[in-house]
Amino acid sequence: MTTPMTTLSGVLEKLRIRKQDHEFIMTDAGFTSPAGKMYKEDELTIIKTYRFEGDSDPSDSSILYLFEANDGLIGYSIDAYGAYSNHEDAGYDEFIRKINVSERDEQEIFK
């Protein structure tokens, strides 16, 4: 039986253990991996989305997108909800909306 990952730190730790803790950083040209490779939206698939809500402070609410790139690299991007977003312009949200979504079960991702 698996234990559900209910915290952001729990998901990040599981990714670290699996060596899938590659944070994609938004740039003007797309997402950049830690190795410096640039990915456009058609080169990524969202394979899991995690939403976390703070108990008492709306600014604690965040979302983690888990991606698989067309070259097999699995990584993530984290953002806060709404007005608390980490990204000042709408480019991040527009980019995310253009990425294909193919949600997978955690058991499939973390086997």
PDB file of N, CA and C in Angstrom:
ATOM      1  N   MET A   1       0.854  -1.178   0.000  1.00  0.00           N
ATOM      2  CA  MET A   1       0.000   0.000   0.000  1.00  0.00           C
ATOM      3  C   MET A   1       0.900   1.242   0.000  1.00  0.00           C
ATOM      4  N   THR A   2       0.544   2.231  -0.790  1.00  0.00           N
ATOM      5  CA  THR A   2       1.327   3.461  -0.851  1.00  0.00           C
ATOM      6  C   THR A   2       0.708   4.522   0.028  1.00  0.00           C
ATOM      7  N   THR A   3       1.560   5.426   0.503  1.00  0.00           N
ATOM      8  CA  THR A   3       1.105   6.544   1.316  1.00  0.00           C
ATOM      9  C   THR A   3       0.919   7.746   0.414  1.00  0.00           C
ATOM     10  N   PRO A   4      -0.234   8.414   0.468  1.00  0.00           N
ATOM     11  CA  PRO A   4      -0.425   9.587  -0.391  1.00  0.00           C
ATOM     12  C   PRO A   4       0.549  10.701  -0.015  1.00  0.00           C
ATOM     13  N   MET A   5       1.016  11.420  -1.027  1.00  0.00           N
ATOM     14  CA  MET A   5       1.918  12.544  -0.797  1.00  0.00           C
ATOM     15  C   MET A   5       1.076  13.799  -0.679  1.00  0.00           C
ATOM     16  N   THR A   6       0.924  14.292   0.528  1.00  0.00           N
ATOM     17  CA  THR A   6       0.015  15.399   0.752  1.00  0.00           C
ATOM     18  C   THR A   6       0.727  16.728   0.962  1.00  0.00           C
ATOM     19  N   THR A   7       2.040  16.733   0.980  1.00  0.00           N
ATOM     20  CA  THR A   7       2.760  17.980   1.169  1.00  0.00           C
ATOM     21  C   THR A   7       3.700  18.225  -0.003  1.00  0.00           C
ATOM     22  N   LEU A   8       3.981  19.485  -0.234  1.00  0.00           N
ATOM     23  CA  LEU A   8       4.920  19.849  -1.290  1.00  0.00           C
ATOM     24  C   LEU A   8       6.286  19.233  -1.013  1.00  0.00           C
ATOM     25  N   SER A   9       6.743  19.318   0.227  1.00  0.00           N
ATOM     26  CA  SER A   9       8.056  18.755   0.557  1.00  0.00           C
ATOM     27  C   SER A   9       8.074  17.239   0.359  1.00  0.00           C
ATOM     28  N   GLY A  10       6.945  16.562   0.586  1.00  0.00           N
ATOM     29  CA  GLY A  10       6.864  15.119   0.358  1.00  0.00           C
ATOM     30  C   GLY A  10       7.030  14.759  -1.105  1.00  0.00           C
ATOM     31  N   VAL A  11       6.371  15.512  -1.975  1.00  0.00           N
ATOM     32  CA  VAL A  11       6.493  15.267  -3.411  1.00  0.00           C
ATOM     33  C   VAL A  11       7.920  15.566  -3.875  1.00  0.00           C
ATOM     34  N   LEU A  12       8.480  16.683  -3.436  1.00  0.00           N
ATOM     35  CA  LEU A  12       9.846  17.035  -3.841  1.00  0.00           C
ATOM     36  C   LEU A  12      10.858  16.001  -3.358  1.00  0.00           C
ATOM     37  N   GLU A  13      10.663  15.466  -2.160  1.00  0.00           N
ATOM     38  CA  GLU A  13      11.565  14.432  -1.645  1.00  0.00           C
ATOM     39  C   GLU A  13      11.469  13.159  -2.479  1.00  0.00           C
ATOM     40  N   LYS A  14      10.254  12.773  -2.832  1.00  0.00           N
ATOM     41  CA  LYS A  14      10.070  11.585  -3.668  1.00  0.00           C
ATOM     42  C   LYS A  14      10.747  11.782  -5.029  1.00  0.00           C
ATOM     43  N   LEU A  15      10.627  12.968  -5.602  1.00  0.00           N
ATOM     44  CA  LEU A  15      11.302  13.267  -6.872  1.00  0.00           C
ATOM     45  C   LEU A  15      12.820  13.212  -6.709  1.00  0.00           C
ATOM     46  N   ARG A  16      13.328  13.734  -5.584  1.00  0.00           N
ATOM     47  CA  ARG A  16      14.773  13.719  -5.340  1.00  0.00           C
ATOM     48  C   ARG A  16      15.288  12.283  -5.253  1.00  0.00           C
ATOM     49  N   ILE A  17      14.572  11.439  -4.528  1.00  0.00           N
ATOM     50  CA  ILE A  17      14.972  10.042  -4.390  1.00  0.00           C
ATOM     51  C   ILE A  17      15.014   9.351  -5.746  1.00  0.00           C
ATOM     52  N   ARG A  18      14.062   9.661  -6.617  1.00  0.00           N
ATOM     53  CA  ARG A  18      13.988   9.053  -7.954  1.00  0.00           C
ATOM     54  C   ARG A  18      14.896   9.751  -8.974  1.00  0.00           C
ATOM     55  N   LYS A  19      15.629  10.772  -8.516  1.00  0.00           N
ATOM     56  CA  LYS A  19      16.507  11.565  -9.391  1.00  0.00           C
ATOM     57  C   LYS A  19      15.711  12.217 -10.526  1.00  0.00           C
ATOM     58  N   GLN A  20      14.500  12.685 -10.178  1.00  0.00           N
ATOM     59  CA  GLN A  20      13.627  13.374 -11.117  1.00  0.00           C
ATOM     60  C   GLN A  20      13.356  14.794 -10.631  1.00  0.00           C
ATOM     61  N   ASP A  21      14.248  15.311  -9.828  1.00  0.00           N
ATOM     62  CA  ASP A  21      14.046  16.630  -9.213  1.00  0.00           C
ATOM     63  C   ASP A  21      14.666  17.745 -10.055  1.00  0.00           C
ATOM     64  N   HIS A  22      14.364  17.727 -11.328  1.00  0.00           N
ATOM     65  CA  HIS A  22      14.853  18.735 -12.270  1.00  0.00           C
ATOM     66  C   HIS A  22      13.846  19.874 -12.327  1.00  0.00           C
ATOM     67  N   GLU A  23      14.220  21.041 -11.842  1.00  0.00           N
ATOM     68  CA  GLU A  23      13.286  22.166 -11.853  1.00  0.00           C
ATOM     69  C   GLU A  23      13.381  22.899 -13.183  1.00  0.00           C
ATOM     70  N   PHE A  24      12.261  22.980 -13.877  1.00  0.00           N
ATOM     71  CA  PHE A  24      12.177  23.737 -15.115  1.00  0.00           C
ATOM     72  C   PHE A  24      11.948  25.202 -14.755  1.00  0.00           C
ATOM     73  N   ILE A  25      12.753  26.072 -15.323  1.00  0.00           N
ATOM     74  CA  ILE A  25      12.673  27.513 -15.063  1.00  0.00           C
ATOM     75  C   ILE A  25      12.128  28.210 -16.301  1.00  0.00           C
ATOM     76  N   MET A  26      11.151  29.089 -16.103  1.00  0.00           N
ATOM     77  CA  MET A  26      10.547  29.827 -17.213  1.00  0.00           C
ATOM     78  C   MET A  26      11.483  30.921 -17.697  1.00  0.00           C
ATOM     79  N   THR A  27      11.669  30.989 -19.011  1.00  0.00           N
ATOM     80  CA  THR A  27      12.422  32.060 -19.652  1.00  0.00           C
ATOM     81  C   THR A  27      11.572  32.610 -20.792  1.00  0.00           C
ATOM     82  N   ASP A  28      12.050  33.615 -21.468  1.00  0.00           N
ATOM     83  CA  ASP A  28      11.314  34.185 -22.604  1.00  0.00           C
ATOM     84  C   ASP A  28      11.125  33.175 -23.737  1.00  0.00           C
ATOM     85  N   ALA A  29      12.026  32.199 -23.842  1.00  0.00           N
ATOM     86  CA  ALA A  29      11.978  31.238 -24.948  1.00  0.00           C
ATOM     87  C   ALA A  29      11.292  29.922 -24.583  1.00  0.00           C
ATOM     88  N   GLY A  30      10.955  29.719 -23.309  1.00  0.00           N
ATOM     89  CA  GLY A  30      10.330  28.465 -22.874  1.00  0.00           C
ATOM     90  C   GLY A  30      10.877  28.036 -21.529  1.00  0.00           C
ATOM     91  N   PHE A  31      10.746  26.761 -21.224  1.00  0.00           N
ATOM     92  CA  PHE A  31      11.292  26.226 -19.971  1.00  0.00           C
ATOM     93  C   PHE A  31      12.724  25.773 -20.194  1.00  0.00           C
ATOM     94  N   THR A  32      13.577  26.083 -19.241  1.00  0.00           N
ATOM     95  CA  THR A  32      14.963  25.647 -19.279  1.00  0.00           C
ATOM     96  C   THR A  32      15.177  24.612 -18.184  1.00  0.00           C
ATOM     97  N   SER A  33      15.842  23.513 -18.531  1.00  0.00           N
ATOM     98  CA  SER A  33      16.162  22.474 -17.548  1.00  0.00           C
ATOM     99  C   SER A  33      17.422  22.884 -16.794  1.00  0.00           C
ATOM    100  N   PRO A  34      17.724  22.208 -15.676  1.00  0.00           N
ATOM    101  CA  PRO A  34      18.950  22.519 -14.941  1.00  0.00           C
ATOM    102  C   PRO A  34      20.215  22.345 -15.792  1.00  0.00           C
ATOM    103  N   ALA A  35      20.166  21.483 -16.796  1.00  0.00           N
ATOM    104  CA  ALA A  35      21.319  21.272 -17.673  1.00  0.00           C
ATOM    105  C   ALA A  35      21.426  22.352 -18.749  1.00  0.00           C
ATOM    106  N   GLY A  36      20.437  23.252 -18.809  1.00  0.00           N
ATOM    107  CA  GLY A  36      20.482  24.345 -19.773  1.00  0.00           C
ATOM    108  C   GLY A  36      19.729  24.088 -21.066  1.00  0.00           C
ATOM    109  N   LYS A  37      19.133  22.912 -21.212  1.00  0.00           N
ATOM    110  CA  LYS A  37      18.366  22.628 -22.427  1.00  0.00           C
ATOM    111  C   LYS A  37      17.037  23.362 -22.376  1.00  0.00           C
ATOM    112  N   MET A  38      16.663  23.957 -23.497  1.00  0.00           N
ATOM    113  CA  MET A  38      15.424  24.719 -23.622  1.00  0.00           C
ATOM    114  C   MET A  38      14.324  23.825 -24.191  1.00  0.00           C
ATOM    115  N   TYR A  39      13.126  23.915 -23.600  1.00  0.00           N
ATOM    116  CA  TYR A  39      11.976  23.153 -24.062  1.00  0.00           C
ATOM    117  C   TYR A  39      10.825  24.091 -24.395  1.00  0.00           C
ATOM    118  N   LYS A  40      10.222  23.877 -25.548  1.00  0.00           N
ATOM    119  CA  LYS A  40       9.010  24.592 -25.933  1.00  0.00           C
ATOM    120  C   LYS A  40       7.813  23.752 -25.471  1.00  0.00           C
ATOM    121  N   GLU A  41       6.624  24.360 -25.487  1.00  0.00           N
ATOM    122  CA  GLU A  41       5.451  23.687 -24.942  1.00  0.00           C
ATOM    123  C   GLU A  41       5.121  22.377 -25.648  1.00  0.00           C
ATOM    124  N   ASP A  42       5.410  22.259 -26.943  1.00  0.00           N
ATOM    125  CA  ASP A  42       5.105  21.021 -27.659  1.00  0.00           C
ATOM    126  C   ASP A  42       6.130  19.923 -27.389  1.00  0.00           C
ATOM    127  N   GLU A  43       7.161  20.214 -26.605  1.00  0.00           N
ATOM    128  CA  GLU A  43       8.176  19.225 -26.244  1.00  0.00           C
ATOM    129  C   GLU A  43       7.971  18.689 -24.822  1.00  0.00           C
ATOM    130  N   LEU A  44       6.897  19.127 -24.170  1.00  0.00           N
ATOM    131  CA  LEU A  44       6.606  18.735 -22.787  1.00  0.00           C
ATOM    132  C   LEU A  44       5.196  18.172 -22.671  1.00  0.00           C
ATOM    133  N   THR A  45       5.008  17.303 -21.692  1.00  0.00           N
ATOM    134  CA  THR A  45       3.688  16.796 -21.329  1.00  0.00           C
ATOM    135  C   THR A  45       3.551  16.903 -19.822  1.00  0.00           C
ATOM    136  N   ILE A  46       2.425  17.426 -19.362  1.00  0.00           N
ATOM    137  CA  ILE A  46       2.140  17.449 -17.926  1.00  0.00           C
ATOM    138  C   ILE A  46       1.635  16.055 -17.564  1.00  0.00           C
ATOM    139  N   ILE A  47       2.389  15.359 -16.690  1.00  0.00           N
ATOM    140  CA  ILE A  47       2.008  13.996 -16.334  1.00  0.00           C
ATOM    141  C   ILE A  47       1.341  13.917 -14.954  1.00  0.00           C
ATOM    142  N   LYS A  48       1.446  14.983 -14.169  1.00  0.00           N
ATOM    143  CA  LYS A  48       0.778  15.015 -12.864  1.00  0.00           C
ATOM    144  C   LYS A  48       0.728  16.454 -12.390  1.00  0.00           C
ATOM    145  N   THR A  49      -0.360  16.801 -11.737  1.00  0.00           N
ATOM    146  CA  THR A  49      -0.519  18.122 -11.142  1.00  0.00           C
ATOM    147  C   THR A  49      -0.867  17.938  -9.677  1.00  0.00           C
ATOM    148  N   TYR A  50      -0.124  18.632  -8.821  1.00  0.00           N
ATOM    149  CA  TYR A  50      -0.395  18.603  -7.386  1.00  0.00           C
ATOM    150  C   TYR A  50      -0.771  20.004  -6.944  1.00  0.00           C
ATOM    151  N   ARG A  51      -1.852  20.111  -6.170  1.00  0.00           N
ATOM    152  CA  ARG A  51      -2.261  21.404  -5.605  1.00  0.00           C
ATOM    153  C   ARG A  51      -2.145  21.323  -4.092  1.00  0.00           C
ATOM    154  N   PHE A  52      -1.569  22.354  -3.515  1.00  0.00           N
ATOM    155  CA  PHE A  52      -1.378  22.410  -2.073  1.00  0.00           C
ATOM    156  C   PHE A  52      -1.990  23.696  -1.554  1.00  0.00           C
ATOM    157  N   GLU A  53      -2.756  23.599  -0.488  1.00  0.00           N
ATOM    158  CA  GLU A  53      -3.407  24.776   0.080  1.00  0.00           C
ATOM    159  C   GLU A  53      -2.975  24.950   1.526  1.00  0.00           C
ATOM    160  N   GLY A  54      -2.564  26.175   1.873  1.00  0.00           N
ATOM    161  CA  GLY A  54      -2.194  26.482   3.245  1.00  0.00           C
ATOM    162  C   GLY A  54      -3.413  26.465   4.143  1.00  0.00           C
ATOM    163  N   ASP A  55      -3.226  26.067   5.391  1.00  0.00           N
ATOM    164  CA  ASP A  55      -4.354  25.978   6.322  1.00  0.00           C
ATOM    165  C   ASP A  55      -4.984  27.326   6.628  1.00  0.00           C
ATOM    166  N   SER A  56      -4.160  28.355   6.767  1.00  0.00           N
ATOM    167  CA  SER A  56      -4.721  29.637   7.193  1.00  0.00           C
ATOM    168  C   SER A  56      -4.325  30.821   6.326  1.00  0.00           C
ATOM    169  N   ASP A  57      -3.378  30.649   5.450  1.00  0.00           N
ATOM    170  CA  ASP A  57      -2.863  31.772   4.669  1.00  0.00           C
ATOM    171  C   ASP A  57      -2.962  31.459   3.178  1.00  0.00           C
ATOM    172  N   PRO A  58      -3.785  32.193   2.426  1.00  0.00           N
ATOM    173  CA  PRO A  58      -3.923  31.930   0.990  1.00  0.00           C
ATOM    174  C   PRO A  58      -2.604  32.021   0.230  1.00  0.00           C
ATOM    175  N   SER A  59      -1.639  32.767   0.742  1.00  0.00           N
ATOM    176  CA  SER A  59      -0.366  32.877   0.044  1.00  0.00           C
ATOM    177  C   SER A  59       0.451  31.586   0.146  1.00  0.00           C
ATOM    178  N   ASP A  60       0.002  30.634   0.978  1.00  0.00           N
ATOM    179  CA  ASP A  60       0.666  29.336   1.085  1.00  0.00           C
ATOM    180  C   ASP A  60       0.190  28.361   0.016  1.00  0.00           C
ATOM    181  N   SER A  61      -0.774  28.733  -0.790  1.00  0.00           N
ATOM    182  CA  SER A  61      -1.321  27.855  -1.814  1.00  0.00           C
ATOM    183  C   SER A  61      -0.390  27.806  -3.012  1.00  0.00           C
ATOM    184  N   SER A  62      -0.084  26.578  -3.449  1.00  0.00           N
ATOM    185  CA  SER A  62       0.820  26.432  -4.590  1.00  0.00           C
ATOM    186  C   SER A  62       0.396  25.248  -5.442  1.00  0.00           C
ATOM    187  N   ILE A  63       0.988  25.192  -6.621  1.00  0.00           N
ATOM    188  CA  ILE A  63       0.727  24.107  -7.556  1.00  0.00           C
ATOM    189  C   ILE A  63       2.068  23.629  -8.103  1.00  0.00           C
ATOM    190  N   LEU A  64       2.206  22.319  -8.192  1.00  0.00           N
ATOM    191  CA  LEU A  64       3.406  21.722  -8.770  1.00  0.00           C
ATOM    192  C   LEU A  64       2.975  20.972 -10.019  1.00  0.00           C
ATOM    193  N   TYR A  65       3.584  21.323 -11.137  1.00  0.00           N
ATOM    194  CA  TYR A  65       3.356  20.616 -12.397  1.00  0.00           C
ATOM    195  C   TYR A  65       4.522  19.662 -12.585  1.00  0.00           C
ATOM    196  N   LEU A  66       4.225  18.392 -12.815  1.00  0.00           N
ATOM    197  CA  LEU A  66       5.258  17.406 -13.110  1.00  0.00           C
ATOM    198  C   LEU A  66       5.233  17.145 -14.605  1.00  0.00           C
ATOM    199  N   PHE A  67       6.382  17.359 -15.252  1.00  0.00           N
ATOM    200  CA  PHE A  67       6.492  17.262 -16.707  1.00  0.00           C
ATOM    201  C   PHE A  67       7.347  16.077 -17.120  1.00  0.00           C
ATOM    202  N   GLU A  68       7.052  15.570 -18.312  1.00  0.00           N
ATOM    203  CA  GLU A  68       7.980  14.682 -19.000  1.00  0.00           C
ATOM    204  C   GLU A  68       8.279  15.327 -20.336  1.00  0.00           C
ATOM    205  N   ALA A  69       9.566  15.505 -20.623  1.00  0.00           N
ATOM    206  CA  ALA A  69       9.990  16.100 -21.887  1.00  0.00           C
ATOM    207  C   ALA A  69      10.052  15.014 -22.963  1.00  0.00           C
ATOM    208  N   ASN A  70      10.071  15.437 -24.212  1.00  0.00           N
ATOM    209  CA  ASN A  70      10.103  14.493 -25.324  1.00  0.00           C
ATOM    210  C   ASN A  70      11.383  13.655 -25.342  1.00  0.00           C
ATOM    211  N   ASP A  71      12.417  14.065 -24.607  1.00  0.00           N
ATOM    212  CA  ASP A  71      13.654  13.281 -24.509  1.00  0.00           C
ATOM    213  C   ASP A  71      13.681  12.393 -23.265  1.00  0.00           C
ATOM    214  N   GLY A  72      12.554  12.315 -22.517  1.00  0.00           N
ATOM    215  CA  GLY A  72      12.447  11.445 -21.360  1.00  0.00           C
ATOM    216  C   GLY A  72      12.748  12.099 -20.022  1.00  0.00           C
ATOM    217  N   LEU A  73      13.271  13.319 -20.025  1.00  0.00           N
ATOM    218  CA  LEU A  73      13.573  14.008 -18.776  1.00  0.00           C
ATOM    219  C   LEU A  73      12.283  14.304 -18.021  1.00  0.00           C
ATOM    220  N   ILE A  74      12.253  13.964 -16.737  1.00  0.00           N
ATOM    221  CA  ILE A  74      11.115  14.274 -15.887  1.00  0.00           C
ATOM    222  C   ILE A  74      11.537  15.347 -14.900  1.00  0.00           C
ATOM    223  N   GLY A  75      10.725  16.379 -14.787  1.00  0.00           N
ATOM    224  CA  GLY A  75      11.021  17.487 -13.890  1.00  0.00           C
ATOM    225  C   GLY A  75       9.747  18.204 -13.506  1.00  0.00           C
ATOM    226  N   TYR A  76       9.902  19.345 -12.867  1.00  0.00           N
ATOM    227  CA  TYR A  76       8.738  20.035 -12.315  1.00  0.00           C
ATOM    228  C   TYR A  76       8.892  21.543 -12.402  1.00  0.00           C
ATOM    229  N   SER A  77       7.775  22.208 -12.182  1.00  0.00           N
ATOM    230  CA  SER A  77       7.730  23.652 -12.006  1.00  0.00           C
ATOM    231  C   SER A  77       6.695  23.931 -10.925  1.00  0.00           C
ATOM    232  N   ILE A  78       7.009  24.878 -10.045  1.00  0.00           N
ATOM    233  CA  ILE A  78       6.115  25.239  -8.948  1.00  0.00           C
ATOM    234  C   ILE A  78       5.674  26.681  -9.131  1.00  0.00           C
ATOM    235  N   ASP A  79       4.401  26.932  -8.860  1.00  0.00           N
ATOM    236  CA  ASP A  79       3.880  28.286  -8.895  1.00  0.00           C
ATOM    237  C   ASP A  79       2.877  28.442  -7.756  1.00  0.00           C
ATOM    238  N   ALA A  80       2.664  29.672  -7.349  1.00  0.00           N
ATOM    239  CA  ALA A  80       1.634  29.980  -6.360  1.00  0.00           C
ATOM    240  C   ALA A  80       0.345  30.291  -7.108  1.00  0.00           C
ATOM    241  N   TYR A  81      -0.772  30.216  -6.413  1.00  0.00           N
ATOM    242  CA  TYR A  81      -2.067  30.499  -7.029  1.00  0.00           C
ATOM    243  C   TYR A  81      -2.296  31.986  -7.233  1.00  0.00           C
ATOM    244  N   GLY A  82      -2.999  32.304  -8.305  1.00  0.00           N
ATOM    245  CA  GLY A  82      -3.581  33.623  -8.542  1.00  0.00           C
ATOM    246  C   GLY A  82      -2.687  34.811  -8.289  1.00  0.00           C
ATOM    247  N   ALA A  83      -3.151  35.721  -7.448  1.00  0.00           N
ATOM    248  CA  ALA A  83      -2.444  36.977  -7.182  1.00  0.00           C
ATOM    249  C   ALA A  83      -1.089  36.747  -6.545  1.00  0.00           C
ATOM    250  N   TYR A  84      -0.876  35.565  -5.979  1.00  0.00           N
ATOM    251  CA  TYR A  84       0.391  35.258  -5.317  1.00  0.00           C
ATOM    252  C   TYR A  84       1.389  34.578  -6.251  1.00  0.00           C
ATOM    253  N   SER A  85       1.076  34.518  -7.542  1.00  0.00           N
ATOM    254  CA  SER A  85       1.924  33.841  -8.521  1.00  0.00           C
ATOM    255  C   SER A  85       3.368  34.316  -8.437  1.00  0.00           C
ATOM    256  N   ASN A  86       4.266  33.390  -8.690  1.00  0.00           N
ATOM    257  CA  ASN A  86       5.700  33.689  -8.707  1.00  0.00           C
ATOM    258  C   ASN A  86       6.116  34.393  -9.997  1.00  0.00           C
ATOM    259  N   HIS A  87       5.209  34.455 -10.961  1.00  0.00           N
ATOM    260  CA  HIS A  87       5.536  34.991 -12.279  1.00  0.00           C
ATOM    261  C   HIS A  87       4.744  36.275 -12.516  1.00  0.00           C
ATOM    262  N   GLU A  88       5.460  37.333 -12.871  1.00  0.00           N
ATOM    263  CA  GLU A  88       4.852  38.663 -12.949  1.00  0.00           C
ATOM    264  C   GLU A  88       3.973  38.877 -14.175  1.00  0.00           C
ATOM    265  N   ASP A  89       4.247  38.186 -15.262  1.00  0.00           N
ATOM    266  CA  ASP A  89       3.416  38.393 -16.451  1.00  0.00           C
ATOM    267  C   ASP A  89       2.598  37.138 -16.738  1.00  0.00           C
ATOM    268  N   ALA A  90       1.763  37.203 -17.735  1.00  0.00           N
ATOM    269  CA  ALA A  90       0.878  36.083 -18.068  1.00  0.00           C
ATOM    270  C   ALA A  90       1.587  35.013 -18.898  1.00  0.00           C
ATOM    271  N   GLY A  91       2.840  35.214 -19.253  1.00  0.00           N
ATOM    272  CA  GLY A  91       3.564  34.267 -20.094  1.00  0.00           C
ATOM    273  C   GLY A  91       3.625  32.870 -19.528  1.00  0.00           C
ATOM    274  N   TYR A  92       3.827  32.755 -18.232  1.00  0.00           N
ATOM    275  CA  TYR A  92       3.901  31.439 -17.594  1.00  0.00           C
ATOM    276  C   TYR A  92       2.575  30.703 -17.742  1.00  0.00           C
ATOM    277  N   ASP A  93       1.486  31.353 -17.378  1.00  0.00           N
ATOM    278  CA  ASP A  93       0.170  30.719 -17.464  1.00  0.00           C
ATOM    279  C   ASP A  93      -0.174  30.331 -18.898  1.00  0.00           C
ATOM    280  N   GLU A  94       0.117  31.208 -19.843  1.00  0.00           N
ATOM    281  CA  GLU A  94      -0.145  30.910 -21.253  1.00  0.00           C
ATOM    282  C   GLU A  94       0.665  29.709 -21.714  1.00  0.00           C
ATOM    283  N   PHE A  95       1.938  29.657 -21.305  1.00  0.00           N
ATOM    284  CA  PHE A  95       2.812  28.543 -21.667  1.00  0.00           C
ATOM    285  C   PHE A  95       2.258  27.229 -21.112  1.00  0.00           C
ATOM    286  N   ILE A  96       1.886  27.225 -19.835  1.00  0.00           N
ATOM    287  CA  ILE A  96       1.355  26.022 -19.182  1.00  0.00           C
ATOM    288  C   ILE A  96       0.090  25.536 -19.890  1.00  0.00           C
ATOM    289  N   ARG A  97      -0.788  26.449 -20.269  1.00  0.00           N
ATOM    290  CA  ARG A  97      -2.050  26.074 -20.931  1.00  0.00           C
ATOM    291  C   ARG A  97      -1.819  25.391 -22.281  1.00  0.00           C
ATOM    292  N   LYS A  98      -0.705  25.662 -22.930  1.00  0.00           N
ATOM    293  CA  LYS A  98      -0.412  25.087 -24.242  1.00  0.00           C
ATOM    294  C   LYS A  98       0.219  23.699 -24.164  1.00  0.00           C
ATOM    295  N   ILE A  99       0.612  23.265 -22.974  1.00  0.00           N
ATOM    296  CA  ILE A  99       1.269  21.965 -22.819  1.00  0.00           C
ATOM    297  C   ILE A  99       0.220  20.860 -22.772  1.00  0.00           C
ATOM    298  N   ASN A 100       0.474  19.790 -23.511  1.00  0.00           N
ATOM    299  CA  ASN A 100      -0.403  18.630 -23.513  1.00  0.00           C
ATOM    300  C   ASN A 100      -0.456  18.017 -22.106  1.00  0.00           C
ATOM    301  N   VAL A 101      -1.630  17.558 -21.709  1.00  0.00           N
ATOM    302  CA  VAL A 101      -1.810  16.933 -20.398  1.00  0.00           C
ATOM    303  C   VAL A 101      -2.130  15.462 -20.598  1.00  0.00           C
ATOM    304  N   SER A 102      -1.383  14.609 -19.924  1.00  0.00           N
ATOM    305  CA  SER A 102      -1.628  13.173 -19.922  1.00  0.00           C
ATOM    306  C   SER A 102      -1.383  12.676 -18.504  1.00  0.00           C
ATOM    307  N   GLU A 103      -2.367  12.941 -17.617  1.00  0.00           N
ATOM    308  CA  GLU A 103      -2.218  12.628 -16.192  1.00  0.00           C
ATOM    309  C   GLU A 103      -1.947  11.135 -15.991  1.00  0.00           C
ATOM    310  N   ARG A 104      -0.999  10.843 -15.109  1.00  0.00           N
ATOM    311  CA  ARG A 104      -0.660   9.470 -14.750  1.00  0.00           C
ATOM    312  C   ARG A 104      -0.887   9.269 -13.263  1.00  0.00           C
ATOM    313  N   ASP A 105      -1.128   8.039 -12.871  1.00  0.00           N
ATOM    314  CA  ASP A 105      -1.226   7.701 -11.457  1.00  0.00           C
ATOM    315  C   ASP A 105       0.151   7.790 -10.822  1.00  0.00           C
ATOM    316  N   GLU A 106       0.191   8.126  -9.536  1.00  0.00           N
ATOM    317  CA  GLU A 106       1.466   8.194  -8.824  1.00  0.00           C
ATOM    318  C   GLU A 106       2.195   6.863  -8.883  1.00  0.00           C
ATOM    319  N   GLN A 107       1.454   5.740  -8.813  1.00  0.00           N
ATOM    320  CA  GLN A 107       2.090   4.442  -8.846  1.00  0.00           C
ATOM    321  C   GLN A 107       2.862   4.235 -10.152  1.00  0.00           C
ATOM    322  N   GLU A 108       2.341   4.764 -11.233  1.00  0.00           N
ATOM    323  CA  GLU A 108       3.011   4.653 -12.525  1.00  0.00           C
ATOM    324  C   GLU A 108       4.249   5.536 -12.568  1.00  0.00           C
ATOM    325  N   ILE A 109       4.181   6.716 -12.001  1.00  0.00           N
ATOM    326  CA  ILE A 109       5.300   7.668 -12.014  1.00  0.00           C
ATOM    327  C   ILE A 109       6.401   7.231 -11.074  1.00  0.00           C
ATOM    328  N   PHE A 110       6.029   6.810  -9.861  1.00  0.00           N
ATOM    329  CA  PHE A 110       7.004   6.548  -8.804  1.00  0.00           C
ATOM    330  C   PHE A 110       7.220   5.066  -8.537  1.00  0.00           C
ATOM    331  N   LYS A 111       7.071   4.219  -9.554  1.00  0.00           N
ATOM    332  CA  LYS A 111       7.278   2.784  -9.313  1.00  0.00           C
ATOM    333  C   LYS A 111       8.729   2.436  -9.165  1.00  0.00           C
TER     334      LYS A 111
END
